[in-house]
């Protein structure tokens, strides 16, 4: 594990690993209608947002997106999501918050094909692209959403600069992710020095753990059926099941999961 952790500190190695892992996961899960790849969120008392029967199994993952997206009004706005995964969050935010247009970007071409097949909604567009080289003109979007993906990026400050570039003046960056204790200072420094101002920050370890508790049984079942045994440990960490390294780090505080709302100056 130490060797793997050390490799993940090398930017190009980390990006290469994720370039392989995510298409592999998409292929393995393509027949399961797995629309969310993020961890989960459950408040106390429960958030209780209304969901249709077909969306109820994904409640905990949806609630994380709801928590992030609800920080500012999105109705009638131009919204970009960077690293949309399998598109469940993009579809939920589009139908719930009613942006004018919602562009969802992901590095994984297999995921984009999956999204285009499964999430056909007016105003929702999926395209392949790199978070560190956003393929859009400056000042295009009123809001940028990024949920639990930036820890995969080799150059996080560059990503923040790209977010600031594509936002309109007064636009918002709605963001959630985690870092281990040894990466906290670097994370905080990048956020403090980027061309955006922090309006809100909330540590949500407890809420994410409750969401993981809701999802653990289903996640373990998918791991057992779709991943080879030598990848079960990685799969359990990726899914955040009870007893996994990620889960235990959230419990101990070794890992900090936070949500943010940042704004671009007018």
Protein backbone atom coordinates (compact mmCIF):
# COMPACT_ATOMS: atom_id res chain seq x y z
CA UNK A 1 0.00 0.00 0.00
CA UNK A 2 2.87 2.41 0.75
CA UNK A 3 4.27 1.90 -2.75
CA UNK A 4 0.87 2.63 -4.28
CA UNK A 5 0.45 5.74 -2.10
CA UNK A 6 3.87 7.01 -3.18
CA UNK A 7 3.04 6.46 -6.84
CA UNK A 8 -0.16 8.46 -6.41
CA UNK A 9 1.90 11.51 -5.43
CA UNK A 10 3.36 11.58 -8.98
CA UNK A 11 0.89 13.54 -11.08
CA UNK A 12 1.23 11.76 -14.41
CA UNK A 13 1.16 8.33 -12.74
CA UNK A 14 -2.02 9.22 -10.85
CA UNK A 15 -3.72 10.51 -13.99
CA UNK A 16 -2.71 7.41 -15.96
CA UNK A 17 -4.14 5.13 -13.24
CA UNK A 18 -7.46 7.00 -13.24
CA UNK A 19 -7.55 6.96 -17.07
CA UNK A 20 -7.45 3.15 -16.85
CA UNK A 21 -9.62 2.64 -13.76
CA UNK A 22 -12.70 4.63 -14.71
CA UNK A 23 -13.25 3.12 -18.21
CA UNK A 24 -12.67 -0.32 -16.68
CA UNK A 25 -15.31 0.41 -14.04
CA UNK A 26 -17.77 1.75 -16.62
CA UNK A 27 -17.43 -1.41 -18.71
CA UNK A 28 -17.88 -3.64 -15.66
CA UNK A 29 -21.01 -1.82 -14.47
CA UNK A 30 -22.60 -0.91 -17.81
CA UNK A 31 -25.53 -3.33 -17.37
CA UNK A 32 -26.26 -2.33 -13.75
CA UNK A 33 -27.57 1.23 -14.28
CA UNK A 34 -25.01 2.57 -11.82
CA UNK A 35 -25.49 6.30 -12.36
CA UNK A 36 -23.48 7.58 -9.37
CA UNK A 37 -19.80 7.02 -8.58
CA UNK A 38 -19.61 9.47 -5.66
CA UNK A 39 -19.82 8.77 -1.95
CA UNK A 40 -23.02 9.72 -0.18
CA UNK A 41 -24.65 12.18 2.20
CA UNK A 42 -27.30 11.92 4.92
CA UNK A 43 -28.12 14.65 7.40
CA UNK A 44 -29.55 14.15 10.90
CA UNK A 45 -32.50 14.56 10.82
CA UNK A 46 -32.65 13.17 7.25
CA UNK A 47 -32.75 15.63 4.37
CA UNK A 48 -35.99 14.05 3.09
CA UNK A 49 -35.95 15.47 -0.43
CA UNK A 50 -38.79 14.04 -2.59
CA UNK A 51 -37.62 11.37 -5.04
CA UNK A 52 -39.37 9.18 -7.56
CA UNK A 53 -39.40 5.40 -6.93
CA UNK A 54 -36.74 4.82 -9.59
CA UNK A 55 -34.40 7.34 -7.93
CA UNK A 56 -34.96 6.19 -4.36
CA UNK A 57 -32.18 3.52 -4.43
CA UNK A 58 -29.71 6.34 -5.18
CA UNK A 59 -31.00 8.64 -2.45
CA UNK A 60 -27.77 8.93 -0.46
CA UNK A 61 -25.67 9.76 -3.54
CA UNK A 62 -28.30 12.18 -4.86
CA UNK A 63 -28.34 14.01 -1.52
CA UNK A 64 -24.64 14.84 -1.86
CA UNK A 65 -25.35 16.48 -5.21
CA UNK A 66 -28.36 18.27 -3.75
CA UNK A 67 -26.29 19.60 -0.85
CA UNK A 68 -23.63 20.97 -3.23
CA UNK A 69 -25.93 22.35 -5.94
CA UNK A 70 -28.47 23.98 -3.60
CA UNK A 71 -25.95 26.53 -2.30
CA UNK A 72 -26.96 29.11 -4.94
CA UNK A 73 -29.96 29.46 -7.30
CA UNK A 74 -29.34 27.66 -10.60
CA UNK A 75 -32.67 28.16 -12.33
CA UNK A 76 -32.18 29.71 -15.75
CA UNK A 77 -28.38 29.66 -15.41
CA UNK A 78 -25.57 28.27 -17.55
CA UNK A 79 -24.01 25.45 -15.52
CA UNK A 80 -20.93 23.28 -16.08
CA UNK A 81 -20.17 20.08 -14.19
CA UNK A 82 -16.57 18.91 -14.36
CA UNK A 83 -16.01 15.16 -13.92
CA UNK A 84 -19.64 14.06 -14.20
CA UNK A 85 -18.94 10.32 -13.98
CA UNK A 86 -21.98 8.29 -15.02
CA UNK A 87 -24.21 11.36 -15.17
CA UNK A 88 -26.71 10.69 -12.39
CA UNK A 89 -25.88 13.94 -10.65
CA UNK A 90 -26.13 15.92 -13.89
CA UNK A 91 -29.56 14.46 -14.61
CA UNK A 92 -30.77 15.15 -11.07
CA UNK A 93 -29.56 18.75 -10.95
CA UNK A 94 -31.02 19.45 -14.40
CA UNK A 95 -34.51 18.26 -13.54
CA UNK A 96 -34.54 19.60 -9.96
CA UNK A 97 -32.84 23.00 -10.19
CA UNK A 98 -33.84 23.83 -13.80
CA UNK A 99 -30.73 25.51 -15.21
CA UNK A 100 -31.02 26.95 -18.70
CA UNK A 101 -28.26 24.66 -19.97
CA UNK A 102 -26.19 22.05 -18.15
CA UNK A 103 -22.93 20.91 -19.73
CA UNK A 104 -21.40 17.81 -18.14
CA UNK A 105 -17.76 17.00 -18.86
CA UNK A 106 -15.69 13.92 -18.09
CA UNK A 107 -12.25 12.63 -19.07
CA UNK A 108 -13.59 9.08 -19.53
CA UNK A 109 -14.99 8.62 -23.07
CA UNK A 110 -16.75 5.40 -22.05
CA UNK A 111 -18.61 7.31 -19.33
CA UNK A 112 -19.65 10.02 -21.78
CA UNK A 113 -21.08 7.39 -24.14
CA UNK A 114 -22.90 5.83 -21.16
CA UNK A 115 -24.33 9.23 -20.15
CA UNK A 116 -25.47 10.06 -23.67
CA UNK A 117 -27.30 6.76 -23.82
CA UNK A 118 -28.97 6.91 -20.40
CA UNK A 119 -29.58 10.61 -19.63
CA UNK A 120 -31.41 12.27 -22.49
CA UNK A 121 -32.90 15.51 -21.25
CA UNK A 122 -33.51 18.86 -22.89
CA UNK A 123 -30.74 21.30 -22.05
CA UNK A 124 -28.35 18.57 -20.83
CA UNK A 125 -25.22 17.96 -22.92
CA UNK A 126 -22.36 15.55 -22.22
CA UNK A 127 -18.89 15.94 -23.70
CA UNK A 128 -15.45 14.49 -23.19
CA UNK A 129 -12.71 16.77 -21.85
CA UNK A 130 -9.94 17.39 -19.34
CA UNK A 131 -10.56 19.24 -16.07
CA UNK A 132 -7.19 20.95 -16.32
CA UNK A 133 -7.80 22.14 -19.89
CA UNK A 134 -11.49 23.04 -20.03
CA UNK A 135 -12.61 23.31 -23.68
CA UNK A 136 -14.70 26.48 -23.24
CA UNK A 137 -14.32 30.19 -23.78
CA UNK A 138 -13.70 32.40 -20.77
CA UNK A 139 -16.71 33.78 -18.94
CA UNK A 140 -19.12 31.13 -20.26
CA UNK A 141 -20.80 29.77 -17.11
CA UNK A 142 -22.76 31.10 -14.15
CA UNK A 143 -21.80 28.10 -12.01
CA UNK A 144 -19.31 25.24 -12.08
CA UNK A 145 -20.02 22.07 -10.09
CA UNK A 146 -17.38 19.54 -9.07
CA UNK A 147 -18.25 16.62 -6.81
CA UNK A 148 -15.61 14.31 -5.37
CA UNK A 149 -13.19 14.32 -8.28
CA UNK A 150 -10.44 16.88 -7.74
CA UNK A 151 -8.32 14.52 -5.62
CA UNK A 152 -7.67 12.69 -8.91
CA UNK A 153 -6.25 15.76 -10.67
CA UNK A 154 -2.44 15.99 -10.95
CA UNK A 155 -2.49 19.82 -10.91
CA UNK A 156 -5.29 21.04 -8.64
CA UNK A 157 -4.27 24.75 -8.79
CA UNK A 158 -4.45 24.62 -12.57
CA UNK A 159 -7.97 23.19 -12.34
CA UNK A 160 -8.98 26.06 -10.04
CA UNK A 161 -7.52 28.57 -12.49
CA UNK A 162 -9.53 26.96 -15.29
CA UNK A 163 -12.72 27.14 -13.21
CA UNK A 164 -12.12 30.83 -12.58
CA UNK A 165 -11.43 31.42 -16.27
CA UNK A 166 -14.69 29.87 -17.53
CA UNK A 167 -16.88 31.47 -14.83
CA UNK A 168 -18.65 34.76 -15.49
CA UNK A 169 -17.92 37.58 -13.01
CA UNK A 170 -20.06 36.85 -9.95
CA UNK A 171 -20.27 33.17 -10.93
CA UNK A 172 -20.02 30.39 -8.34
CA UNK A 173 -17.91 27.28 -7.91
CA UNK A 174 -19.92 24.63 -6.03
CA UNK A 175 -17.54 22.00 -4.82
CA UNK A 176 -17.13 18.94 -2.59
CA UNK A 177 -14.15 16.67 -2.08
CA UNK A 178 -11.80 15.14 0.49
CA UNK A 179 -8.12 15.05 1.41
CA UNK A 180 -6.08 12.99 3.84
CA UNK A 181 -4.37 14.84 6.70
CA UNK A 182 -0.99 15.00 4.94
CA UNK A 183 -2.58 16.82 2.00
CA UNK A 184 -4.81 19.25 3.89
CA UNK A 185 -2.39 22.19 4.06
CA UNK A 186 -1.65 22.04 0.34
CA UNK A 187 -5.39 21.80 -0.45
CA UNK A 188 -6.26 24.76 1.76
CA UNK A 189 -3.39 26.81 0.35
CA UNK A 190 -4.54 26.20 -3.23
CA UNK A 191 -8.11 27.23 -2.41
CA UNK A 192 -6.99 30.32 -0.48
CA UNK A 193 -4.69 31.53 -3.26
CA UNK A 194 -6.89 30.78 -6.30
CA UNK A 195 -8.75 33.58 -8.19
CA UNK A 196 -11.98 32.79 -6.29
CA UNK A 197 -13.24 33.79 -2.86
CA UNK A 198 -14.57 31.26 -0.37
CA UNK A 199 -18.12 32.14 0.72
CA UNK A 200 -19.00 28.93 2.56
CA UNK A 201 -17.12 25.90 3.84
CA UNK A 202 -18.55 22.95 5.75
CA UNK A 203 -16.92 19.77 7.00
CA UNK A 204 -19.33 16.93 6.23
CA UNK A 205 -17.56 13.79 7.51
CA UNK A 206 -20.54 12.77 9.65
CA UNK A 207 -23.04 13.22 6.82
CA UNK A 208 -20.87 11.29 4.35
CA UNK A 209 -20.44 8.44 6.84
CA UNK A 210 -24.22 8.16 7.29
CA UNK A 211 -24.58 8.01 3.53
CA UNK A 212 -21.91 5.33 3.27
CA UNK A 213 -23.77 3.30 5.89
CA UNK A 214 -26.88 3.42 3.68
CA UNK A 215 -24.96 2.34 0.58
CA UNK A 216 -22.55 -0.29 1.93
CA UNK A 217 -24.63 -3.42 1.36
CA UNK A 218 -25.45 -2.59 -2.25
CA UNK A 219 -21.86 -1.55 -2.99
CA UNK A 220 -20.42 -4.78 -1.57
CA UNK A 221 -22.82 -6.81 -3.67
CA UNK A 222 -21.73 -4.97 -6.86
CA UNK A 223 -18.05 -5.40 -5.97
CA UNK A 224 -18.47 -9.15 -5.39
CA UNK A 225 -20.28 -9.64 -8.71
CA UNK A 226 -18.30 -7.35 -11.01
CA UNK A 227 -14.69 -7.03 -9.82
CA UNK A 228 -12.03 -9.74 -9.78
CA UNK A 229 -11.01 -10.70 -6.27
CA UNK A 230 -7.59 -9.04 -6.45
CA UNK A 231 -9.41 -5.69 -6.94
CA UNK A 232 -11.93 -6.12 -4.13
CA UNK A 233 -9.87 -4.03 -1.68
CA UNK A 234 -9.58 -1.17 -4.15
CA UNK A 235 -13.29 -1.51 -4.93
CA UNK A 236 -14.24 -1.31 -1.26
CA UNK A 237 -12.16 1.86 -0.82
CA UNK A 238 -13.60 3.37 -4.00
CA UNK A 239 -17.15 2.63 -2.83
CA UNK A 240 -16.48 3.71 0.76
CA UNK A 241 -18.07 0.67 2.35
CA UNK A 242 -18.09 0.12 6.11
CA UNK A 243 -14.66 -0.95 7.35
CA UNK A 244 -12.77 0.24 4.27
CA UNK A 245 -9.67 2.42 4.57
CA UNK A 246 -11.59 5.49 3.39
CA UNK A 247 -14.47 4.84 5.80
CA UNK A 248 -12.15 4.34 8.77
CA UNK A 249 -10.17 7.47 7.88
CA UNK A 250 -13.39 9.50 7.92
CA UNK A 251 -14.26 8.07 11.33
CA UNK A 252 -10.83 8.87 12.78
CA UNK A 253 -10.57 12.30 11.20
CA UNK A 254 -7.47 11.33 9.21
CA UNK A 255 -9.53 12.28 6.16
CA UNK A 256 -11.51 15.51 5.87
CA UNK A 257 -14.52 15.70 3.53
CA UNK A 258 -15.69 19.25 2.86
CA UNK A 259 -18.15 21.20 0.75
CA UNK A 260 -17.48 24.71 -0.53
CA UNK A 261 -19.11 27.61 -2.29
CA UNK A 262 -16.65 29.99 -3.95
CA UNK A 263 -17.38 33.08 -6.03
CA UNK A 264 -15.56 34.95 -8.81
CA UNK A 265 -15.22 38.65 -8.15
CA UNK A 266 -17.42 41.00 -10.18
